[in-house]
């Protein structure tokens, strides 16, 4: 490899390192995204039906996706298999009785 080519590769490597460092610094300065207000946890399998609902900041939520208060109410009232998380109690927060 020629000296000129080595110098060019070194400059490219330096630039890549600088860009990555700048991107990392920007990522550190961004505030963390707010957790969703509500969370629906789904079962495993082909049907993937709702199993449990949580408040958005519940540490027990998994395998799910963010939801609206209306969709959480609907699931608690219409899906017999779905339950409210006993830790975060979204049913209490929504003003529903435990179903």
N, C-alpha and C. Protein backbone atom coordinates (compact mmCIF):
# COMPACT_ATOMS: atom_id res chain seq x y z
N UNK A 1 0.85 -1.16 0.00
CA UNK A 1 0.00 0.00 0.00
C UNK A 1 0.91 1.24 0.00
N UNK A 2 0.55 2.22 -0.78
CA UNK A 2 1.38 3.41 -0.87
C UNK A 2 1.18 4.30 0.35
N UNK A 3 2.13 5.18 0.57
CA UNK A 3 2.07 6.10 1.70
C UNK A 3 0.87 7.04 1.57
N UNK A 4 0.59 7.45 0.35
CA UNK A 4 -0.55 8.35 0.12
C UNK A 4 -1.87 7.66 0.48
N UNK A 5 -2.00 6.38 0.08
CA UNK A 5 -3.21 5.62 0.38
C UNK A 5 -3.35 5.42 1.89
N UNK A 6 -2.25 5.14 2.57
CA UNK A 6 -2.29 4.97 4.03
C UNK A 6 -2.73 6.25 4.71
N UNK A 7 -2.24 7.40 4.23
CA UNK A 7 -2.61 8.69 4.78
C UNK A 7 -4.10 8.95 4.58
N UNK A 8 -4.62 8.63 3.40
CA UNK A 8 -6.04 8.81 3.12
C UNK A 8 -6.89 7.91 4.02
N UNK A 9 -6.50 6.66 4.19
CA UNK A 9 -7.23 5.75 5.06
C UNK A 9 -7.20 6.22 6.50
N UNK A 10 -6.08 6.75 6.94
CA UNK A 10 -5.97 7.26 8.30
C UNK A 10 -6.93 8.43 8.49
N UNK A 11 -7.02 9.32 7.50
CA UNK A 11 -7.94 10.46 7.59
C UNK A 11 -9.39 9.99 7.62
N UNK A 12 -9.72 9.00 6.82
CA UNK A 12 -11.08 8.45 6.82
C UNK A 12 -11.40 7.85 8.19
N UNK A 13 -10.47 7.08 8.74
CA UNK A 13 -10.67 6.49 10.06
C UNK A 13 -10.86 7.57 11.13
N UNK A 14 -10.06 8.64 11.06
CA UNK A 14 -10.21 9.74 12.01
C UNK A 14 -11.57 10.39 11.89
N UNK A 15 -12.01 10.59 10.67
CA UNK A 15 -13.31 11.23 10.44
C UNK A 15 -14.45 10.35 10.96
N UNK A 16 -14.36 9.06 10.69
CA UNK A 16 -15.39 8.12 11.19
C UNK A 16 -15.44 8.17 12.71
N UNK A 17 -14.28 8.16 13.36
CA UNK A 17 -14.23 8.22 14.82
C UNK A 17 -14.85 9.52 15.32
N UNK A 18 -14.56 10.64 14.67
CA UNK A 18 -15.11 11.93 15.08
C UNK A 18 -16.63 11.97 14.92
N UNK A 19 -17.13 11.44 13.81
CA UNK A 19 -18.58 11.43 13.58
C UNK A 19 -19.27 10.54 14.60
N UNK A 20 -18.71 9.39 14.88
CA UNK A 20 -19.32 8.48 15.88
C UNK A 20 -19.33 9.13 17.26
N UNK A 21 -18.25 9.82 17.61
CA UNK A 21 -18.19 10.49 18.91
C UNK A 21 -19.24 11.59 18.99
N UNK A 22 -19.41 12.35 17.91
CA UNK A 22 -20.42 13.41 17.89
C UNK A 22 -21.83 12.82 18.00
N UNK A 23 -22.09 11.73 17.31
CA UNK A 23 -23.40 11.07 17.40
C UNK A 23 -23.66 10.55 18.81
N UNK A 24 -22.64 9.98 19.43
CA UNK A 24 -22.80 9.47 20.80
C UNK A 24 -23.10 10.62 21.77
N UNK A 25 -22.43 11.74 21.59
CA UNK A 25 -22.67 12.90 22.45
C UNK A 25 -24.09 13.43 22.27
N UNK A 26 -24.57 13.50 21.03
CA UNK A 26 -25.95 13.94 20.79
C UNK A 26 -26.94 12.99 21.46
N UNK A 27 -26.69 11.69 21.38
CA UNK A 27 -27.58 10.70 21.99
C UNK A 27 -27.61 10.86 23.51
N UNK A 28 -26.48 11.17 24.12
CA UNK A 28 -26.43 11.36 25.57
C UNK A 28 -27.19 12.61 25.99
N UNK A 29 -27.22 13.63 25.17
CA UNK A 29 -27.88 14.88 25.51
C UNK A 29 -29.38 14.84 25.33
N UNK A 30 -29.87 13.92 24.49
CA UNK A 30 -31.32 13.81 24.27
C UNK A 30 -31.99 13.29 25.54
N UNK A 31 -33.11 13.88 25.90
CA UNK A 31 -33.83 13.33 27.06
C UNK A 31 -34.41 11.96 26.70
N UNK A 32 -34.52 11.13 27.70
CA UNK A 32 -35.10 9.80 27.48
C UNK A 32 -36.57 9.98 27.11
N UNK A 33 -37.07 9.14 26.20
CA UNK A 33 -38.49 9.27 25.83
C UNK A 33 -39.38 8.94 27.02
N UNK A 34 -40.51 9.63 27.08
CA UNK A 34 -41.47 9.37 28.14
C UNK A 34 -42.07 7.98 27.95
N UNK A 35 -42.29 7.24 29.03
CA UNK A 35 -42.93 5.93 28.86
C UNK A 35 -44.38 6.14 28.42
N UNK A 36 -44.96 5.15 27.74
CA UNK A 36 -46.37 5.29 27.37
C UNK A 36 -47.22 5.31 28.64
N UNK A 37 -48.39 5.87 28.55
CA UNK A 37 -49.24 5.94 29.73
C UNK A 37 -49.86 4.58 30.06
N UNK A 38 -50.11 3.77 29.04
CA UNK A 38 -50.73 2.46 29.22
C UNK A 38 -50.02 1.44 28.36
N UNK A 39 -50.11 0.17 28.75
CA UNK A 39 -49.39 -0.91 28.07
C UNK A 39 -50.27 -2.14 28.04
N UNK A 40 -50.35 -2.79 26.88
CA UNK A 40 -51.09 -4.05 26.76
C UNK A 40 -50.08 -5.16 26.51
N UNK A 41 -50.11 -6.16 27.36
CA UNK A 41 -49.21 -7.31 27.25
C UNK A 41 -49.95 -8.43 26.53
N UNK A 42 -49.29 -9.01 25.54
CA UNK A 42 -49.91 -10.06 24.74
C UNK A 42 -49.28 -11.41 25.04
N UNK A 43 -50.06 -12.47 24.84
CA UNK A 43 -49.56 -13.82 25.04
C UNK A 43 -48.64 -14.26 23.92
N UNK A 44 -48.07 -15.42 24.11
CA UNK A 44 -47.19 -16.01 23.11
C UNK A 44 -48.01 -16.99 22.29
N UNK A 45 -47.78 -17.03 20.99
CA UNK A 45 -48.48 -17.97 20.15
C UNK A 45 -49.11 -17.30 18.96
N UNK A 46 -49.80 -18.08 18.17
CA UNK A 46 -50.37 -17.59 16.92
C UNK A 46 -51.43 -16.51 17.15
N UNK A 47 -52.25 -16.68 18.16
CA UNK A 47 -53.35 -15.73 18.37
C UNK A 47 -52.89 -14.45 19.04
N UNK A 48 -51.91 -14.53 19.91
CA UNK A 48 -51.37 -13.38 20.63
C UNK A 48 -52.49 -12.47 21.16
N UNK A 49 -53.34 -13.02 21.97
CA UNK A 49 -54.43 -12.26 22.55
C UNK A 49 -53.94 -11.45 23.75
N UNK A 50 -54.63 -10.37 24.09
CA UNK A 50 -54.24 -9.60 25.27
C UNK A 50 -54.35 -10.46 26.52
N UNK A 51 -53.31 -10.42 27.34
CA UNK A 51 -53.31 -11.19 28.59
C UNK A 51 -53.42 -10.31 29.82
N UNK A 52 -52.72 -9.18 29.78
CA UNK A 52 -52.66 -8.34 30.95
C UNK A 52 -52.47 -6.89 30.51
N UNK A 53 -53.02 -5.96 31.28
CA UNK A 53 -52.82 -4.55 30.99
C UNK A 53 -52.07 -3.91 32.15
N UNK A 54 -51.29 -2.90 31.82
CA UNK A 54 -50.42 -2.24 32.80
C UNK A 54 -50.49 -0.73 32.63
N UNK A 55 -50.06 -0.02 33.66
CA UNK A 55 -49.76 1.39 33.47
C UNK A 55 -48.44 1.42 32.71
N UNK A 56 -48.17 2.52 32.05
CA UNK A 56 -46.99 2.59 31.19
C UNK A 56 -45.66 2.45 31.90
N UNK A 57 -45.60 2.81 33.17
CA UNK A 57 -44.32 2.74 33.89
C UNK A 57 -44.18 1.48 34.75
N UNK A 58 -45.05 0.51 34.56
CA UNK A 58 -44.99 -0.73 35.34
C UNK A 58 -43.75 -1.54 34.98
N UNK A 59 -42.96 -1.97 35.96
CA UNK A 59 -41.77 -2.77 35.66
C UNK A 59 -42.09 -4.20 35.24
N UNK A 60 -43.33 -4.61 35.38
CA UNK A 60 -43.70 -5.99 35.04
C UNK A 60 -44.19 -6.15 33.60
N UNK A 61 -44.32 -5.06 32.86
CA UNK A 61 -44.86 -5.16 31.50
C UNK A 61 -43.82 -5.74 30.54
N UNK A 62 -44.29 -6.58 29.65
CA UNK A 62 -43.43 -7.18 28.63
C UNK A 62 -44.29 -7.65 27.46
N UNK A 63 -43.66 -8.06 26.37
CA UNK A 63 -44.34 -8.61 25.20
C UNK A 63 -45.60 -7.84 24.81
N UNK A 64 -45.49 -6.58 24.68
CA UNK A 64 -46.69 -5.85 24.36
C UNK A 64 -46.40 -4.60 23.59
N UNK A 65 -47.34 -3.68 23.69
CA UNK A 65 -47.17 -2.41 23.00
C UNK A 65 -47.94 -1.32 23.73
N UNK A 66 -47.58 -0.08 23.46
CA UNK A 66 -48.29 1.03 24.09
C UNK A 66 -49.76 1.03 23.70
N UNK A 67 -50.57 1.62 24.56
CA UNK A 67 -52.01 1.63 24.31
C UNK A 67 -52.63 2.93 24.81
N UNK A 68 -53.86 3.13 24.45
CA UNK A 68 -54.62 4.28 24.95
C UNK A 68 -55.45 3.83 26.15
N UNK A 69 -55.91 4.80 26.93
CA UNK A 69 -56.77 4.48 28.08
C UNK A 69 -58.03 3.78 27.59
N UNK A 70 -58.58 4.24 26.47
CA UNK A 70 -59.81 3.64 25.94
C UNK A 70 -59.60 2.17 25.57
N UNK A 71 -58.48 1.85 24.91
CA UNK A 71 -58.24 0.46 24.52
C UNK A 71 -58.01 -0.42 25.74
N UNK A 72 -57.38 0.11 26.78
CA UNK A 72 -57.18 -0.66 28.01
C UNK A 72 -58.53 -0.93 28.68
N UNK A 73 -59.38 0.10 28.76
CA UNK A 73 -60.73 -0.09 29.32
C UNK A 73 -61.50 -1.16 28.55
N UNK A 74 -61.45 -1.05 27.23
CA UNK A 74 -62.17 -1.99 26.37
C UNK A 74 -61.70 -3.43 26.61
N UNK A 75 -60.39 -3.61 26.68
CA UNK A 75 -59.86 -4.96 26.90
C UNK A 75 -60.28 -5.49 28.26
N UNK A 76 -60.18 -4.67 29.30
CA UNK A 76 -60.56 -5.13 30.64
C UNK A 76 -62.05 -5.48 30.72
N UNK A 77 -62.86 -4.79 29.95
CA UNK A 77 -64.30 -5.04 30.01
C UNK A 77 -64.80 -6.11 29.05
N UNK A 78 -64.06 -6.40 27.98
CA UNK A 78 -64.59 -7.31 26.96
C UNK A 78 -63.78 -8.58 26.74
N UNK A 79 -62.54 -8.63 27.19
CA UNK A 79 -61.72 -9.83 26.98
C UNK A 79 -61.61 -10.57 28.32
N UNK A 80 -62.34 -11.67 28.46
CA UNK A 80 -62.38 -12.38 29.75
C UNK A 80 -61.01 -12.87 30.22
N UNK A 81 -60.12 -13.21 29.29
CA UNK A 81 -58.82 -13.74 29.67
C UNK A 81 -57.86 -12.65 30.15
N UNK A 82 -58.13 -11.41 29.80
CA UNK A 82 -57.24 -10.30 30.14
C UNK A 82 -57.50 -9.84 31.57
N UNK A 83 -56.42 -9.59 32.29
CA UNK A 83 -56.53 -9.13 33.68
C UNK A 83 -55.69 -7.87 33.86
N UNK A 84 -56.02 -7.14 34.89
CA UNK A 84 -55.24 -5.97 35.26
C UNK A 84 -54.04 -6.44 36.07
N UNK A 85 -52.90 -5.83 35.84
CA UNK A 85 -51.69 -6.18 36.59
C UNK A 85 -51.92 -5.93 38.07
N UNK A 86 -51.61 -6.90 38.92
CA UNK A 86 -51.83 -6.72 40.35
C UNK A 86 -50.81 -5.77 40.99
N UNK A 87 -49.73 -5.47 40.30
CA UNK A 87 -48.71 -4.58 40.85
C UNK A 87 -49.05 -3.11 40.58
N UNK A 88 -49.34 -2.76 39.33
CA UNK A 88 -49.56 -1.34 38.99
C UNK A 88 -51.04 -0.94 39.02
N UNK A 89 -51.94 -1.89 39.03
CA UNK A 89 -53.39 -1.68 39.15
C UNK A 89 -53.97 -0.64 38.19
N UNK A 90 -53.87 -0.89 36.88
CA UNK A 90 -54.44 0.07 35.92
C UNK A 90 -55.95 0.18 36.04
N UNK A 91 -56.60 -0.88 36.50
CA UNK A 91 -58.06 -0.83 36.66
C UNK A 91 -58.45 0.20 37.72
N UNK A 92 -57.68 0.30 38.79
CA UNK A 92 -57.96 1.30 39.81
C UNK A 92 -57.70 2.70 39.27
N UNK A 93 -56.62 2.84 38.54
CA UNK A 93 -56.27 4.15 37.99
C UNK A 93 -57.31 4.62 36.98
N UNK A 94 -57.94 3.68 36.27
CA UNK A 94 -58.97 4.02 35.30
C UNK A 94 -60.37 4.13 35.93
N UNK A 95 -60.47 3.82 37.22
CA UNK A 95 -61.76 3.89 37.89
C UNK A 95 -62.65 2.69 37.66
N UNK A 96 -62.04 1.56 37.27
CA UNK A 96 -62.81 0.33 37.03
C UNK A 96 -62.65 -0.59 38.23
N UNK A 97 -63.66 -1.39 38.47
CA UNK A 97 -63.53 -2.45 39.48
C UNK A 97 -62.76 -3.59 38.88
N UNK A 98 -62.06 -4.35 39.71
CA UNK A 98 -61.33 -5.52 39.22
C UNK A 98 -62.31 -6.50 38.61
N UNK A 99 -62.08 -6.85 37.32
CA UNK A 99 -63.00 -7.75 36.62
C UNK A 99 -62.43 -9.12 36.52
